[in-house]
Structure formats: structure tokens, C-alpha cells
Amino acid sequence: MLIKLKNKQYLVIDEFKFRSSIGKNGLKTKKREGDNYTPKGIFKIGKVYYRSDRVHKPETKLTTKIIKKNMGWCNDPYNKNYNKEIDLKKDKGEKLFRSDSVYDILIVIEYNTKKIKPFIGSAIFIHLTRNYKHTQGCIALNKNDLLVLLKILKPGSKINIS
């Protein structure tokens, strides 16, 4: 199953077309950490994280994980845990348990997650938006659309960002 980013503002899968937002600077093949670009390429869809204190467990066939208060994602290219889930008590990184609703539900895009290379980007997610403002490199959908997308996706699904 393949999701396609179309015209930089829509995610398309099967007969569904979801309005989305992407990185502030657009798309780029050679992404760098902190450049506000969304990486171009075809990537596997990974785990789903959600805030159980704010939303019900999403209906999905993908692996899910509850976001806990000290969960983060390492965005420090000098850290051995770069571009991995971390415990913020032990490492510094991007907080997943946020005060806003952006990460109430997120899907990991498996960009730079297997043979991790420092400085080419981390924490690339499909997450929530209310206003479709540009992201720092992720793809954002409204909550209803993300919940529908999660029902459609299967293990092994990919996203084509071009």
C-alpha cells in the first residue's frame, strides 16, 4: 500500500485525498538536520504513537505505542541515539508529550531510521495540525483525516514523497 504526496499539499491513498502541510522550505532530496525541508523519497511507514490521556487508541493494523511523559526523539546528530525514541531523563531531544495537540497522534516515517546517518534529518513524522501551517519537515494532517488514514494503512505500507 502506497501513500503519495501530491502537489505538496495532499496525501493520496486509494480513493482518499487528504489536505496536508509539509516542511516550511518544501521538499528536498538531500535533507539536513534543522533545514525545515521534508525529505523526498519512498519510505516505509513505521510505528504509531499516541497520547492515551487525550485520544483513544487509534483503529489501525500498525503497531501502536502510548506516549509517556518522559518520551522524546533524539535530534542531536552527535548523540549515539540520533533519530531514535529516547527517555528524556537520560537524553536531550524533542519532547513527544507536548502541551499542544500536534503529537497527540503521530506516525513515524522511516526516514534515516535503519542505517542512521548523523546530520541528514530526524523525527520525520505524520502528525496533527489544526491550521495547516508549515512544519519543520514533517507532514501534518487534521485529526479526522489522520484517523481515517490509520484505518487504511497496513504493515509494510510506504509513502512516496516527491
Protein backbone atom coordinates (compact mmCIF):
# COMPACT_ATOMS: atom_id res chain seq x y z
CA MET A 1 0.00 0.00 0.00
CA LEU A 2 1.46 3.35 -1.08
CA ILE A 3 0.59 6.86 0.10
CA LYS A 4 1.55 9.59 -2.36
CA LEU A 5 2.22 13.22 -1.51
CA LYS A 6 0.66 15.19 -4.36
CA ASN A 7 1.25 18.85 -5.24
CA LYS A 8 2.94 19.36 -1.85
CA GLN A 9 -0.47 19.77 -0.21
CA TYR A 10 -2.34 16.47 -0.43
CA LEU A 11 -1.77 12.91 0.69
CA VAL A 12 -3.48 10.46 -1.65
CA ILE A 13 -4.18 6.80 -0.92
CA ASP A 14 -6.73 4.68 -2.77
CA GLU A 15 -9.75 6.94 -3.37
CA PHE A 16 -8.90 9.21 -0.42
CA LYS A 17 -7.32 12.65 -0.77
CA PHE A 18 -6.27 14.38 2.46
CA ARG A 19 -5.22 18.02 2.73
CA SER A 20 -1.78 18.24 4.34
CA SER A 21 1.09 20.56 5.10
CA ILE A 22 4.82 19.93 4.73
CA GLY A 23 8.12 21.49 5.73
CA LYS A 24 8.38 25.29 5.63
CA ASN A 25 11.03 25.15 2.87
CA GLY A 26 9.32 22.49 0.75
CA LEU A 27 10.78 19.17 -0.39
CA LYS A 28 14.43 18.20 -0.76
CA THR A 29 16.35 15.07 -1.66
CA LYS A 30 19.44 15.93 0.40
CA LYS A 31 17.82 16.92 3.66
CA ARG A 32 19.90 18.25 6.57
CA GLU A 33 19.05 18.41 10.26
CA GLY A 34 17.06 21.56 11.05
CA ASP A 35 16.68 22.75 7.43
CA ASN A 36 12.83 22.77 7.53
CA TYR A 37 12.58 20.59 4.40
CA THR A 38 10.50 17.43 4.10
CA PRO A 39 12.70 14.65 2.68
CA LYS A 40 11.96 13.34 -0.82
CA GLY A 41 11.86 9.60 -1.41
CA ILE A 42 9.91 6.43 -0.79
CA PHE A 43 9.87 5.44 2.87
CA LYS A 44 8.24 2.74 4.98
CA ILE A 45 5.54 3.71 7.43
CA GLY A 46 6.55 2.91 11.00
CA LYS A 47 5.03 2.83 14.44
CA VAL A 48 2.07 4.93 15.60
CA TYR A 49 2.45 6.89 18.84
CA TYR A 50 -0.50 8.39 20.69
CA ARG A 51 -1.42 10.23 23.90
CA SER A 52 -3.83 7.91 25.74
CA ASP A 53 -4.77 10.75 28.12
CA ARG A 54 -6.12 12.76 25.15
CA VAL A 55 -7.21 10.29 22.46
CA HIS A 56 -8.43 6.72 22.26
CA LYS A 57 -6.13 4.10 20.81
CA PRO A 58 -6.36 4.65 17.04
CA GLU A 59 -8.04 1.96 14.96
CA THR A 60 -5.13 0.64 12.90
CA LYS A 61 -3.27 -2.50 11.86
CA LEU A 62 0.03 -0.74 12.52
CA THR A 63 2.00 -1.19 15.75
CA THR A 64 0.98 1.39 18.36
CA LYS A 65 2.72 2.80 21.41
CA ILE A 66 1.44 5.11 24.14
CA ILE A 67 3.40 8.34 24.58
CA LYS A 68 4.62 8.69 28.16
CA LYS A 69 5.67 11.94 29.88
CA ASN A 70 9.41 11.44 29.52
CA MET A 71 9.39 10.19 25.91
CA GLY A 72 11.34 12.06 23.32
CA TRP A 73 13.00 11.72 19.94
CA CYS A 74 16.73 12.40 19.65
CA ASN A 75 17.53 15.19 17.20
CA ASP A 76 21.15 15.65 18.28
CA PRO A 77 23.41 14.34 15.48
CA TYR A 78 26.29 13.93 17.95
CA ASN A 79 24.29 11.57 20.17
CA LYS A 80 24.51 7.78 19.66
CA ASN A 81 20.70 7.68 19.88
CA TYR A 82 20.22 10.14 17.00
CA ASN A 83 16.84 9.71 15.29
CA LYS A 84 15.56 7.21 17.84
CA GLU A 85 12.97 7.27 20.60
CA ILE A 86 14.65 8.28 23.86
CA ASP A 87 13.96 8.74 27.55
CA LEU A 88 14.26 12.47 28.25
CA LYS A 89 15.51 11.69 31.78
CA LYS A 90 18.68 10.30 30.17
CA ASP A 91 19.00 12.20 26.87
CA LYS A 92 18.04 15.54 25.37
CA GLY A 93 15.72 15.68 22.40
CA GLU A 94 12.35 16.61 21.02
CA LYS A 95 9.55 16.09 23.54
CA LEU A 96 6.75 13.79 22.35
CA PHE A 97 4.46 14.51 25.35
CA ARG A 98 3.69 18.08 24.32
CA SER A 99 1.33 20.67 25.77
CA ASP A 100 -0.18 21.34 22.33
CA SER A 101 -2.01 18.65 20.36
CA VAL A 102 0.47 18.25 17.48
CA TYR A 103 1.81 14.90 18.73
CA ASP A 104 -1.40 13.53 20.25
CA ILE A 105 -1.18 11.03 17.36
CA LEU A 106 1.82 10.59 15.11
CA ILE A 107 3.13 8.08 12.61
CA VAL A 108 6.86 7.60 12.22
CA ILE A 109 8.10 7.92 8.64
CA GLU A 110 11.06 5.54 8.42
CA TYR A 111 13.43 8.18 7.09
CA ASN A 112 17.04 7.68 8.24
CA THR A 113 15.97 5.09 10.83
CA LYS A 114 17.80 1.91 9.78
CA LYS A 115 21.39 2.80 8.89
CA ILE A 116 21.22 6.11 10.69
CA LYS A 117 23.49 8.86 9.37
CA PRO A 118 24.09 11.93 11.54
CA PHE A 119 23.04 15.37 10.26
CA ILE A 120 20.65 14.21 7.49
CA GLY A 121 17.45 14.65 9.50
CA SER A 122 15.48 13.16 12.35
CA ALA A 123 11.95 12.98 13.76
CA ILE A 124 10.13 12.86 10.42
CA PHE A 125 6.51 12.13 11.28
CA ILE A 126 2.97 12.38 10.00
CA HIS A 127 1.37 14.33 12.84
CA LEU A 128 -1.62 16.53 13.62
CA THR A 129 -2.39 20.09 12.58
CA ARG A 130 -5.31 22.42 13.16
CA ASN A 131 -4.27 25.20 10.78
CA TYR A 132 -2.11 23.58 8.06
CA LYS A 133 0.85 25.84 8.86
CA HIS A 134 4.16 24.59 7.52
CA THR A 135 6.08 22.07 9.64
CA GLN A 136 9.78 21.71 10.42
CA GLY A 137 9.99 18.81 7.94
CA CYS A 138 7.09 16.54 8.85
CA ILE A 139 3.76 16.04 7.12
CA ALA A 140 0.69 17.22 9.02
CA LEU A 141 -3.00 16.27 8.70
CA ASN A 142 -6.11 17.19 10.62
CA LYS A 143 -7.19 14.68 13.26
CA ASN A 144 -10.14 13.15 11.36
CA ASP A 145 -8.02 12.59 8.25
CA LEU A 146 -5.18 11.04 10.24
CA LEU A 147 -7.62 8.67 11.91
CA VAL A 148 -9.04 7.62 8.51
CA LEU A 149 -5.51 7.16 7.13
CA LEU A 150 -4.63 4.92 10.09
CA LYS A 151 -7.61 2.67 9.32
CA ILE A 152 -6.39 2.24 5.73
CA LEU A 153 -2.67 1.65 6.35
CA LYS A 154 -1.27 -1.85 6.77
CA PRO A 155 2.11 -3.10 7.97
CA GLY A 156 4.53 -2.68 5.07
CA SER A 157 2.81 0.47 3.76
CA LYS A 158 5.05 3.14 2.24
CA ILE A 159 4.90 6.82 1.49
CA ASN A 160 6.17 8.40 -1.73
CA ILE A 161 7.24 11.99 -1.11
CA SER A 162 8.19 13.62 -4.41
